[in-house]
Amino acid sequence: MRETVCIFNTAHLCIFLPKFHCELNFIEFSCGPVKRYLQENCNYTFDTLKENILKALASVNFSTIRKWVHQMVHWMDAYCTGLSTQAAQNQIKEFSSAKYHSH
């Protein structure tokens, strides 16, 4: 029988995100650049994939990840106020200094 561990006693936070809302999960934004790096540096062997995966992850700047997290927080705030998806999108565009594009 598998033991269940309570995440609240381990200082971790579990957030259940709605389906099909990748704007609330900044990890989704990281996957695109990582996949692009792997595709550009690929010879279609497993050994090359193993060799390049850490390089691909390191190719995403920490400052870029912070921007994605910041944008995700704006989305969460918009949804918490009860805005629809379209209204939330309009509000995010209004407060954003850069235009982000989904993948």
PDB file of N, CA and C in Angstrom:
ATOM      1  N   MET A   1       0.841  -1.190   0.000  1.00  0.00           N
ATOM      2  CA  MET A   1       0.000   0.000   0.000  1.00  0.00           C
ATOM      3  C   MET A   1       0.880   1.246   0.000  1.00  0.00           C
ATOM      4  N   ARG A   2       0.523   2.202  -0.796  1.00  0.00           N
ATOM      5  CA  ARG A   2       1.310   3.418  -0.933  1.00  0.00           C
ATOM      6  C   ARG A   2       0.987   4.395   0.187  1.00  0.00           C
ATOM      7  N   GLU A   3       2.046   4.995   0.764  1.00  0.00           N
ATOM      8  CA  GLU A   3       1.859   5.954   1.849  1.00  0.00           C
ATOM      9  C   GLU A   3       1.592   7.344   1.276  1.00  0.00           C
ATOM     10  N   THR A   4       0.644   8.025   1.854  1.00  0.00           N
ATOM     11  CA  THR A   4       0.316   9.384   1.431  1.00  0.00           C
ATOM     12  C   THR A   4       1.026  10.379   2.344  1.00  0.00           C
ATOM     13  N   VAL A   5       1.705  11.338   1.751  1.00  0.00           N
ATOM     14  CA  VAL A   5       2.433  12.345   2.512  1.00  0.00           C
ATOM     15  C   VAL A   5       1.701  13.669   2.391  1.00  0.00           C
ATOM     16  N   CYS A   6       1.488  14.302   3.505  1.00  0.00           N
ATOM     17  CA  CYS A   6       0.809  15.598   3.498  1.00  0.00           C
ATOM     18  C   CYS A   6       1.798  16.678   3.073  1.00  0.00           C
ATOM     19  N   ILE A   7       1.515  17.374   1.987  1.00  0.00           N
ATOM     20  CA  ILE A   7       2.445  18.390   1.491  1.00  0.00           C
ATOM     21  C   ILE A   7       2.487  19.621   2.390  1.00  0.00           C
ATOM     22  N   PHE A   8       1.470  19.829   3.211  1.00  0.00           N
ATOM     23  CA  PHE A   8       1.441  21.014   4.056  1.00  0.00           C
ATOM     24  C   PHE A   8       2.484  20.945   5.162  1.00  0.00           C
ATOM     25  N   ASN A   9       2.885  19.756   5.558  1.00  0.00           N
ATOM     26  CA  ASN A   9       3.902  19.598   6.588  1.00  0.00           C
ATOM     27  C   ASN A   9       5.316  19.648   6.020  1.00  0.00           C
ATOM     28  N   THR A  10       5.448  19.768   4.723  1.00  0.00           N
ATOM     29  CA  THR A  10       6.760  19.790   4.092  1.00  0.00           C
ATOM     30  C   THR A  10       7.068  21.143   3.441  1.00  0.00           C
ATOM     31  N   ALA A  11       6.274  22.144   3.733  1.00  0.00           N
ATOM     32  CA  ALA A  11       6.477  23.508   3.223  1.00  0.00           C
ATOM     33  C   ALA A  11       6.322  23.612   1.708  1.00  0.00           C
ATOM     34  N   HIS A  12       5.591  22.689   1.101  1.00  0.00           N
ATOM     35  CA  HIS A  12       5.293  22.762  -0.326  1.00  0.00           C
ATOM     36  C   HIS A  12       3.863  23.239  -0.503  1.00  0.00           C
ATOM     37  N   LEU A  13       3.604  23.852  -1.615  1.00  0.00           N
ATOM     38  CA  LEU A  13       2.273  24.354  -1.917  1.00  0.00           C
ATOM     39  C   LEU A  13       1.754  23.647  -3.162  1.00  0.00           C
ATOM     40  N   CYS A  14       0.575  23.115  -3.084  1.00  0.00           N
ATOM     41  CA  CYS A  14      -0.052  22.449  -4.222  1.00  0.00           C
ATOM     42  C   CYS A  14      -1.144  23.363  -4.757  1.00  0.00           C
ATOM     43  N   ILE A  15      -1.042  23.715  -6.025  1.00  0.00           N
ATOM     44  CA  ILE A  15      -2.029  24.582  -6.651  1.00  0.00           C
ATOM     45  C   ILE A  15      -2.697  23.789  -7.770  1.00  0.00           C
ATOM     46  N   PHE A  16      -4.010  23.638  -7.699  1.00  0.00           N
ATOM     47  CA  PHE A  16      -4.751  22.958  -8.744  1.00  0.00           C
ATOM     48  C   PHE A  16      -5.177  24.001  -9.772  1.00  0.00           C
ATOM     49  N   LEU A  17      -4.663  23.885 -10.980  1.00  0.00           N
ATOM     50  CA  LEU A  17      -4.944  24.843 -12.041  1.00  0.00           C
ATOM     51  C   LEU A  17      -6.084  24.332 -12.905  1.00  0.00           C
ATOM     52  N   PRO A  18      -6.890  25.247 -13.435  1.00  0.00           N
ATOM     53  CA  PRO A  18      -7.956  24.807 -14.336  1.00  0.00           C
ATOM     54  C   PRO A  18      -7.371  24.227 -15.625  1.00  0.00           C
ATOM     55  N   LYS A  19      -8.087  23.278 -16.205  1.00  0.00           N
ATOM     56  CA  LYS A  19      -7.639  22.681 -17.460  1.00  0.00           C
ATOM     57  C   LYS A  19      -7.630  23.726 -18.567  1.00  0.00           C
ATOM     58  N   PHE A  20      -6.691  23.566 -19.472  1.00  0.00           N
ATOM     59  CA  PHE A  20      -6.595  24.382 -20.687  1.00  0.00           C
ATOM     60  C   PHE A  20      -6.321  25.856 -20.407  1.00  0.00           C
ATOM     61  N   HIS A  21      -5.687  26.167 -19.288  1.00  0.00           N
ATOM     62  CA  HIS A  21      -5.303  27.545 -18.984  1.00  0.00           C
ATOM     63  C   HIS A  21      -3.794  27.593 -18.793  1.00  0.00           C
ATOM     64  N   CYS A  22      -3.049  27.458 -19.899  1.00  0.00           N
ATOM     65  CA  CYS A  22      -1.592  27.431 -19.809  1.00  0.00           C
ATOM     66  C   CYS A  22      -1.031  28.760 -19.318  1.00  0.00           C
ATOM     67  N   GLU A  23      -1.811  29.846 -19.413  1.00  0.00           N
ATOM     68  CA  GLU A  23      -1.324  31.136 -18.922  1.00  0.00           C
ATOM     69  C   GLU A  23      -1.160  31.149 -17.406  1.00  0.00           C
ATOM     70  N   LEU A  24      -1.749  30.167 -16.711  1.00  0.00           N
ATOM     71  CA  LEU A  24      -1.612  30.074 -15.264  1.00  0.00           C
ATOM     72  C   LEU A  24      -0.478  29.140 -14.848  1.00  0.00           C
ATOM     73  N   ASN A  25       0.207  28.558 -15.795  1.00  0.00           N
ATOM     74  CA  ASN A  25       1.273  27.619 -15.487  1.00  0.00           C
ATOM     75  C   ASN A  25       2.529  28.037 -16.244  1.00  0.00           C
ATOM     76  N   PHE A  26       3.416  28.769 -15.553  1.00  0.00           N
ATOM     77  CA  PHE A  26       4.584  29.315 -16.239  1.00  0.00           C
ATOM     78  C   PHE A  26       5.523  28.225 -16.754  1.00  0.00           C
ATOM     79  N   ILE A  27       5.407  27.002 -16.237  1.00  0.00           N
ATOM     80  CA  ILE A  27       6.222  25.894 -16.735  1.00  0.00           C
ATOM     81  C   ILE A  27       5.920  25.654 -18.218  1.00  0.00           C
ATOM     82  N   GLU A  28       4.667  25.867 -18.618  1.00  0.00           N
ATOM     83  CA  GLU A  28       4.290  25.687 -20.021  1.00  0.00           C
ATOM     84  C   GLU A  28       5.089  26.623 -20.930  1.00  0.00           C
ATOM     85  N   PHE A  29       5.369  27.834 -20.457  1.00  0.00           N
ATOM     86  CA  PHE A  29       6.126  28.788 -21.260  1.00  0.00           C
ATOM     87  C   PHE A  29       7.578  28.350 -21.412  1.00  0.00           C
ATOM     88  N   SER A  30       8.110  27.651 -20.404  1.00  0.00           N
ATOM     89  CA  SER A  30       9.494  27.182 -20.451  1.00  0.00           C
ATOM     90  C   SER A  30       9.676  26.041 -21.438  1.00  0.00           C
ATOM     91  N   CYS A  31       8.635  25.254 -21.624  1.00  0.00           N
ATOM     92  CA  CYS A  31       8.750  24.065 -22.490  1.00  0.00           C
ATOM     93  C   CYS A  31       9.072  24.438 -23.929  1.00  0.00           C
ATOM     94  N   GLY A  32       8.502  25.506 -24.443  1.00  0.00           N
ATOM     95  CA  GLY A  32       8.724  25.914 -25.837  1.00  0.00           C
ATOM     96  C   GLY A  32      10.189  26.169 -26.146  1.00  0.00           C
ATOM     97  N   PRO A  33      10.858  27.053 -25.383  1.00  0.00           N
ATOM     98  CA  PRO A  33      12.281  27.302 -25.668  1.00  0.00           C
ATOM     99  C   PRO A  33      13.164  26.064 -25.468  1.00  0.00           C
ATOM    100  N   VAL A  34      12.831  25.242 -24.479  1.00  0.00           N
ATOM    101  CA  VAL A  34      13.610  24.020 -24.246  1.00  0.00           C
ATOM    102  C   VAL A  34      13.460  23.073 -25.432  1.00  0.00           C
ATOM    103  N   LYS A  35      12.232  22.879 -25.895  1.00  0.00           N
ATOM    104  CA  LYS A  35      12.003  22.001 -27.047  1.00  0.00           C
ATOM    105  C   LYS A  35      12.686  22.557 -28.304  1.00  0.00           C
ATOM    106  N   ARG A  36      12.628  23.879 -28.462  1.00  0.00           N
ATOM    107  CA  ARG A  36      13.265  24.501 -29.631  1.00  0.00           C
ATOM    108  C   ARG A  36      14.775  24.253 -29.603  1.00  0.00           C
ATOM    109  N   TYR A  37      15.408  24.438 -28.428  1.00  0.00           N
ATOM    110  CA  TYR A  37      16.850  24.204 -28.296  1.00  0.00           C
ATOM    111  C   TYR A  37      17.178  22.754 -28.648  1.00  0.00           C
ATOM    112  N   LEU A  38      16.389  21.825 -28.098  1.00  0.00           N
ATOM    113  CA  LEU A  38      16.642  20.409 -28.363  1.00  0.00           C
ATOM    114  C   LEU A  38      16.474  20.071 -29.844  1.00  0.00           C
ATOM    115  N   GLN A  39      15.481  20.678 -30.480  1.00  0.00           N
ATOM    116  CA  GLN A  39      15.259  20.415 -31.902  1.00  0.00           C
ATOM    117  C   GLN A  39      16.406  20.962 -32.754  1.00  0.00           C
ATOM    118  N   GLU A  40      16.911  22.148 -32.393  1.00  0.00           N
ATOM    119  CA  GLU A  40      17.994  22.760 -33.157  1.00  0.00           C
ATOM    120  C   GLU A  40      19.334  22.057 -32.934  1.00  0.00           C
ATOM    121  N   ASN A  41      19.464  21.329 -31.830  1.00  0.00           N
ATOM    122  CA  ASN A  41      20.711  20.648 -31.492  1.00  0.00           C
ATOM    123  C   ASN A  41      20.484  19.144 -31.398  1.00  0.00           C
ATOM    124  N   CYS A  42      19.863  18.597 -32.428  1.00  0.00           N
ATOM    125  CA  CYS A  42      19.421  17.214 -32.386  1.00  0.00           C
ATOM    126  C   CYS A  42      19.971  16.418 -33.556  1.00  0.00           C
ATOM    127  N   ASN A  43      20.402  15.198 -33.276  1.00  0.00           N
ATOM    128  CA  ASN A  43      20.719  14.266 -34.349  1.00  0.00           C
ATOM    129  C   ASN A  43      19.858  13.005 -34.219  1.00  0.00           C
ATOM    130  N   TYR A  44      18.789  13.122 -33.407  1.00  0.00           N
ATOM    131  CA  TYR A  44      17.772  12.089 -33.238  1.00  0.00           C
ATOM    132  C   TYR A  44      18.308  10.803 -32.601  1.00  0.00           C
ATOM    133  N   THR A  45      19.264  10.963 -31.672  1.00  0.00           N
ATOM    134  CA  THR A  45      19.703   9.825 -30.878  1.00  0.00           C
ATOM    135  C   THR A  45      19.437  10.125 -29.409  1.00  0.00           C
ATOM    136  N   PHE A  46      19.217   9.076 -28.646  1.00  0.00           N
ATOM    137  CA  PHE A  46      18.936   9.241 -27.223  1.00  0.00           C
ATOM    138  C   PHE A  46      20.156   9.792 -26.494  1.00  0.00           C
ATOM    139  N   ASP A  47      21.352   9.402 -26.905  1.00  0.00           N
ATOM    140  CA  ASP A  47      22.570   9.906 -26.266  1.00  0.00           C
ATOM    141  C   ASP A  47      22.698  11.420 -26.419  1.00  0.00           C
ATOM    142  N   THR A  48      22.386  11.929 -27.600  1.00  0.00           N
ATOM    143  CA  THR A  48      22.429  13.379 -27.819  1.00  0.00           C
ATOM    144  C   THR A  48      21.378  14.080 -26.972  1.00  0.00           C
ATOM    145  N   LEU A  49      20.201  13.496 -26.866  1.00  0.00           N
ATOM    146  CA  LEU A  49      19.155  14.074 -26.028  1.00  0.00           C
ATOM    147  C   LEU A  49      19.618  14.161 -24.578  1.00  0.00           C
ATOM    148  N   LYS A  50      20.199  13.080 -24.071  1.00  0.00           N
ATOM    149  CA  LYS A  50      20.710  13.088 -22.694  1.00  0.00           C
ATOM    150  C   LYS A  50      21.799  14.140 -22.520  1.00  0.00           C
ATOM    151  N   GLU A  51      22.634  14.287 -23.512  1.00  0.00           N
ATOM    152  CA  GLU A  51      23.727  15.255 -23.455  1.00  0.00           C
ATOM    153  C   GLU A  51      23.212  16.697 -23.486  1.00  0.00           C
ATOM    154  N   ASN A  52      22.142  16.933 -24.239  1.00  0.00           N
ATOM    155  CA  ASN A  52      21.663  18.305 -24.458  1.00  0.00           C
ATOM    156  C   ASN A  52      20.568  18.774 -23.505  1.00  0.00           C
ATOM    157  N   ILE A  53      19.948  17.882 -22.746  1.00  0.00           N
ATOM    158  CA  ILE A  53      18.797  18.291 -21.948  1.00  0.00           C
ATOM    159  C   ILE A  53      19.169  19.346 -20.902  1.00  0.00           C
ATOM    160  N   LEU A  54      20.281  19.183 -20.224  1.00  0.00           N
ATOM    161  CA  LEU A  54      20.682  20.186 -19.227  1.00  0.00           C
ATOM    162  C   LEU A  54      21.060  21.508 -19.892  1.00  0.00           C
ATOM    163  N   LYS A  55      21.687  21.427 -21.054  1.00  0.00           N
ATOM    164  CA  LYS A  55      22.012  22.646 -21.802  1.00  0.00           C
ATOM    165  C   LYS A  55      20.729  23.363 -22.227  1.00  0.00           C
ATOM    166  N   ALA A  56      19.738  22.588 -22.646  1.00  0.00           N
ATOM    167  CA  ALA A  56      18.465  23.170 -23.075  1.00  0.00           C
ATOM    168  C   ALA A  56      17.774  23.864 -21.905  1.00  0.00           C
ATOM    169  N   LEU A  57      17.761  23.231 -20.756  1.00  0.00           N
ATOM    170  CA  LEU A  57      17.143  23.850 -19.578  1.00  0.00           C
ATOM    171  C   LEU A  57      17.895  25.109 -19.164  1.00  0.00           C
ATOM    172  N   ALA A  58      19.213  25.071 -19.260  1.00  0.00           N
ATOM    173  CA  ALA A  58      20.030  26.233 -18.892  1.00  0.00           C
ATOM    174  C   ALA A  58      19.904  27.364 -19.907  1.00  0.00           C
ATOM    175  N   SER A  59      19.431  27.060 -21.109  1.00  0.00           N
ATOM    176  CA  SER A  59      19.320  28.092 -22.143  1.00  0.00           C
ATOM    177  C   SER A  59      18.185  29.080 -21.869  1.00  0.00           C
ATOM    178  N   VAL A  60      17.288  28.752 -20.949  1.00  0.00           N
ATOM    179  CA  VAL A  60      16.187  29.660 -20.603  1.00  0.00           C
ATOM    180  C   VAL A  60      16.656  30.560 -19.473  1.00  0.00           C
ATOM    181  N   ASN A  61      16.725  31.852 -19.727  1.00  0.00           N
ATOM    182  CA  ASN A  61      17.196  32.812 -18.729  1.00  0.00           C
ATOM    183  C   ASN A  61      16.280  32.858 -17.516  1.00  0.00           C
ATOM    184  N   PHE A  62      16.894  33.002 -16.349  1.00  0.00           N
ATOM    185  CA  PHE A  62      16.123  33.126 -15.119  1.00  0.00           C
ATOM    186  C   PHE A  62      15.253  34.380 -15.144  1.00  0.00           C
ATOM    187  N   SER A  63      15.758  35.456 -15.731  1.00  0.00           N
ATOM    188  CA  SER A  63      14.971  36.700 -15.807  1.00  0.00           C
ATOM    189  C   SER A  63      13.730  36.500 -16.674  1.00  0.00           C
ATOM    190  N   THR A  64      13.832  35.677 -17.709  1.00  0.00           N
ATOM    191  CA  THR A  64      12.674  35.378 -18.548  1.00  0.00           C
ATOM    192  C   THR A  64      11.642  34.577 -17.769  1.00  0.00           C
ATOM    193  N   ILE A  65      12.102  33.606 -16.985  1.00  0.00           N
ATOM    194  CA  ILE A  65      11.186  32.821 -16.155  1.00  0.00           C
ATOM    195  C   ILE A  65      10.478  33.731 -15.151  1.00  0.00           C
ATOM    196  N   ARG A  66      11.213  34.679 -14.579  1.00  0.00           N
ATOM    197  CA  ARG A  66      10.596  35.635 -13.651  1.00  0.00           C
ATOM    198  C   ARG A  66       9.502  36.453 -14.334  1.00  0.00           C
ATOM    199  N   LYS A  67       9.729  36.852 -15.575  1.00  0.00           N
ATOM    200  CA  LYS A  67       8.707  37.597 -16.320  1.00  0.00           C
ATOM    201  C   LYS A  67       7.462  36.754 -16.519  1.00  0.00           C
ATOM    202  N   TRP A  68       7.651  35.461 -16.837  1.00  0.00           N
ATOM    203  CA  TRP A  68       6.500  34.572 -17.023  1.00  0.00           C
ATOM    204  C   TRP A  68       5.726  34.399 -15.714  1.00  0.00           C
ATOM    205  N   VAL A  69       6.464  34.265 -14.600  1.00  0.00           N
ATOM    206  CA  VAL A  69       5.803  34.142 -13.294  1.00  0.00           C
ATOM    207  C   VAL A  69       5.023  35.413 -12.995  1.00  0.00           C
ATOM    208  N   HIS A  70       5.626  36.557 -13.269  1.00  0.00           N
ATOM    209  CA  HIS A  70       4.964  37.840 -13.024  1.00  0.00           C
ATOM    210  C   HIS A  70       3.675  37.943 -13.844  1.00  0.00           C
ATOM    211  N   GLN A  71       3.738  37.530 -15.097  1.00  0.00           N
ATOM    212  CA  GLN A  71       2.546  37.569 -15.938  1.00  0.00           C
ATOM    213  C   GLN A  71       1.496  36.591 -15.420  1.00  0.00           C
ATOM    214  N   MET A  72       1.925  35.403 -14.965  1.00  0.00           N
ATOM    215  CA  MET A  72       0.994  34.416 -14.421  1.00  0.00           C
ATOM    216  C   MET A  72       0.259  34.982 -13.208  1.00  0.00           C
ATOM    217  N   VAL A  73       0.972  35.721 -12.360  1.00  0.00           N
ATOM    218  CA  VAL A  73       0.345  36.328 -11.187  1.00  0.00           C
ATOM    219  C   VAL A  73      -0.725  37.328 -11.606  1.00  0.00           C
ATOM    220  N   HIS A  74      -0.468  38.084 -12.672  1.00  0.00           N
ATOM    221  CA  HIS A  74      -1.484  39.011 -13.189  1.00  0.00           C
ATOM    222  C   HIS A  74      -2.724  38.255 -13.676  1.00  0.00           C
ATOM    223  N   TRP A  75      -2.512  37.115 -14.349  1.00  0.00           N
ATOM    224  CA  TRP A  75      -3.645  36.303 -14.789  1.00  0.00           C
ATOM    225  C   TRP A  75      -4.443  35.801 -13.591  1.00  0.00           C
ATOM    226  N   MET A  76      -3.741  35.312 -12.574  1.00  0.00           N
ATOM    227  CA  MET A  76      -4.427  34.789 -11.395  1.00  0.00           C
ATOM    228  C   MET A  76      -5.225  35.887 -10.704  1.00  0.00           C
ATOM    229  N   ASP A  77      -4.642  37.080 -10.593  1.00  0.00           N
ATOM    230  CA  ASP A  77      -5.359  38.203  -9.985  1.00  0.00           C
ATOM    231  C   ASP A  77      -6.615  38.553 -10.779  1.00  0.00           C
ATOM    232  N   ALA A  78      -6.486  38.551 -12.101  1.00  0.00           N
ATOM    233  CA  ALA A  78      -7.629  38.876 -12.951  1.00  0.00           C
ATOM    234  C   ALA A  78      -8.751  37.858 -12.777  1.00  0.00           C
ATOM    235  N   TYR A  79      -8.390  36.571 -12.750  1.00  0.00           N
ATOM    236  CA  TYR A  79      -9.409  35.534 -12.574  1.00  0.00           C
ATOM    237  C   TYR A  79     -10.012  35.572 -11.172  1.00  0.00           C
ATOM    238  N   CYS A  80      -9.205  35.895 -10.169  1.00  0.00           N
ATOM    239  CA  CYS A  80      -9.712  35.951  -8.784  1.00  0.00           C
ATOM    240  C   CYS A  80     -10.736  37.073  -8.606  1.00  0.00           C
ATOM    241  N   THR A  81     -10.653  38.100  -9.429  1.00  0.00           N
ATOM    242  CA  THR A  81     -11.636  39.183  -9.341  1.00  0.00           C
ATOM    243  C   THR A  81     -12.915  38.848 -10.097  1.00  0.00           C
ATOM    244  N   GLY A  82     -12.948  37.675 -10.738  1.00  0.00           N
ATOM    245  CA  GLY A  82     -14.156  37.226 -11.415  1.00  0.00           C
ATOM    246  C   GLY A  82     -14.245  37.583 -12.880  1.00  0.00           C
ATOM    247  N   LEU A  83     -13.147  38.043 -13.474  1.00  0.00           N
ATOM    248  CA  LEU A  83     -13.180  38.411 -14.888  1.00  0.00           C
ATOM    249  C   LEU A  83     -13.291  37.168 -15.771  1.00  0.00           C
ATOM    250  N   SER A  84     -13.938  37.336 -16.902  1.00  0.00           N
ATOM    251  CA  SER A  84     -13.979  36.255 -17.897  1.00  0.00           C
ATOM    252  C   SER A  84     -12.605  36.157 -18.555  1.00  0.00           C
ATOM    253  N   THR A  85     -12.416  35.120 -19.355  1.00  0.00           N
ATOM    254  CA  THR A  85     -11.130  34.934 -20.022  1.00  0.00           C
ATOM    255  C   THR A  85     -10.798  36.126 -20.910  1.00  0.00           C
ATOM    256  N   GLN A  86     -11.780  36.594 -21.692  1.00  0.00           N
ATOM    257  CA  GLN A  86     -11.539  37.727 -22.595  1.00  0.00           C
ATOM    258  C   GLN A  86     -11.255  39.007 -21.813  1.00  0.00           C
ATOM    259  N   ALA A  87     -12.015  39.264 -20.761  1.00  0.00           N
ATOM    260  CA  ALA A  87     -11.790  40.465 -19.945  1.00  0.00           C
ATOM    261  C   ALA A  87     -10.436  40.399 -19.252  1.00  0.00           C
ATOM    262  N   ALA A  88     -10.062  39.209 -18.772  1.00  0.00           N
ATOM    263  CA  ALA A  88      -8.755  39.040 -18.130  1.00  0.00           C
ATOM    264  C   ALA A  88      -7.639  39.296 -19.137  1.00  0.00           C
ATOM    265  N   GLN A  89      -7.801  38.773 -20.357  1.00  0.00           N
ATOM    266  CA  GLN A  89      -6.803  38.978 -21.401  1.00  0.00           C
ATOM    267  C   GLN A  89      -6.644  40.464 -21.714  1.00  0.00           C
ATOM    268  N   ASN A  90      -7.748  41.180 -21.794  1.00  0.00           N
ATOM    269  CA  ASN A  90      -7.681  42.622 -22.054  1.00  0.00           C
ATOM    270  C   ASN A  90      -6.971  43.357 -20.920  1.00  0.00           C
ATOM    271  N   GLN A  91      -7.243  42.943 -19.688  1.00  0.00           N
ATOM    272  CA  GLN A  91      -6.592  43.591 -18.545  1.00  0.00           C
ATOM    273  C   GLN A  91      -5.091  43.311 -18.540  1.00  0.00           C
ATOM    274  N   ILE A  92      -4.706  42.091 -18.864  1.00  0.00           N
ATOM    275  CA  ILE A  92      -3.281  41.736 -18.903  1.00  0.00           C
ATOM    276  C   ILE A  92      -2.571  42.538 -19.982  1.00  0.00           C
ATOM    277  N   LYS A  93      -3.174  42.675 -21.145  1.00  0.00           N
ATOM    278  CA  LYS A  93      -2.574  43.471 -22.219  1.00  0.00           C
ATOM    279  C   LYS A  93      -2.411  44.917 -21.795  1.00  0.00           C
ATOM    280  N   GLU A  94      -3.378  45.428 -21.050  1.00  0.00           N
ATOM    281  CA  GLU A  94      -3.339  46.820 -20.603  1.00  0.00           C
ATOM    282  C   GLU A  94      -2.169  47.071 -19.654  1.00  0.00           C
ATOM    283  N   PHE A  95      -1.884  46.109 -18.774  1.00  0.00           N
ATOM    284  CA  PHE A  95      -0.819  46.290 -17.778  1.00  0.00           C
ATOM    285  C   PHE A  95       0.534  45.808 -18.250  1.00  0.00           C
ATOM    286  N   SER A  96       0.587  45.151 -19.370  1.00  0.00           N
ATOM    287  CA  SER A  96       1.838  44.564 -19.843  1.00  0.00           C
ATOM    288  C   SER A  96       2.624  45.570 -20.670  1.00  0.00           C
ATOM    289  N   SER A  97       3.910  45.671 -20.379  1.00  0.00           N
ATOM    290  CA  SER A  97       4.752  46.568 -21.176  1.00  0.00           C
ATOM    291  C   SER A  97       5.259  45.846 -22.422  1.00  0.00           C
ATOM    292  N   ALA A  98       5.292  44.528 -22.402  1.00  0.00           N
ATOM    293  CA  ALA A  98       5.697  43.733 -23.558  1.00  0.00           C
ATOM    294  C   ALA A  98       4.544  42.837 -23.960  1.00  0.00           C
ATOM    295  N   LYS A  99       4.443  42.554 -25.204  1.00  0.00           N
ATOM    296  CA  LYS A  99       3.383  41.689 -25.698  1.00  0.00           C
ATOM    297  C   LYS A  99       3.902  40.248 -25.713  1.00  0.00           C
ATOM    298  N   TYR A 100       3.290  39.383 -24.935  1.00  0.00           N
ATOM    299  CA  TYR A 100       3.662  37.976 -24.874  1.00  0.00           C
ATOM    300  C   TYR A 100       2.755  37.180 -25.790  1.00  0.00           C
ATOM    301  N   HIS A 101       3.297  36.167 -26.400  1.00  0.00           N
ATOM    302  CA  HIS A 101       2.526  35.321 -27.295  1.00  0.00           C
ATOM    303  C   HIS A 101       2.526  33.900 -26.754  1.00  0.00           C
ATOM    304  N   SER A 102       1.373  33.290 -26.764  1.00  0.00           N
ATOM    305  CA  SER A 102       1.259  31.914 -26.302  1.00  0.00           C
ATOM    306  C   SER A 102       1.922  30.990 -27.309  1.00  0.00           C
ATOM    307  N   HIS A 103       2.227  29.794 -26.897  1.00  0.00           N
ATOM    308  CA  HIS A 103       2.856  28.829 -27.798  1.00  0.00           C
ATOM    309  C   HIS A 103       1.843  27.980 -28.506  1.00  0.00           C
TER     310      HIS A 103
END
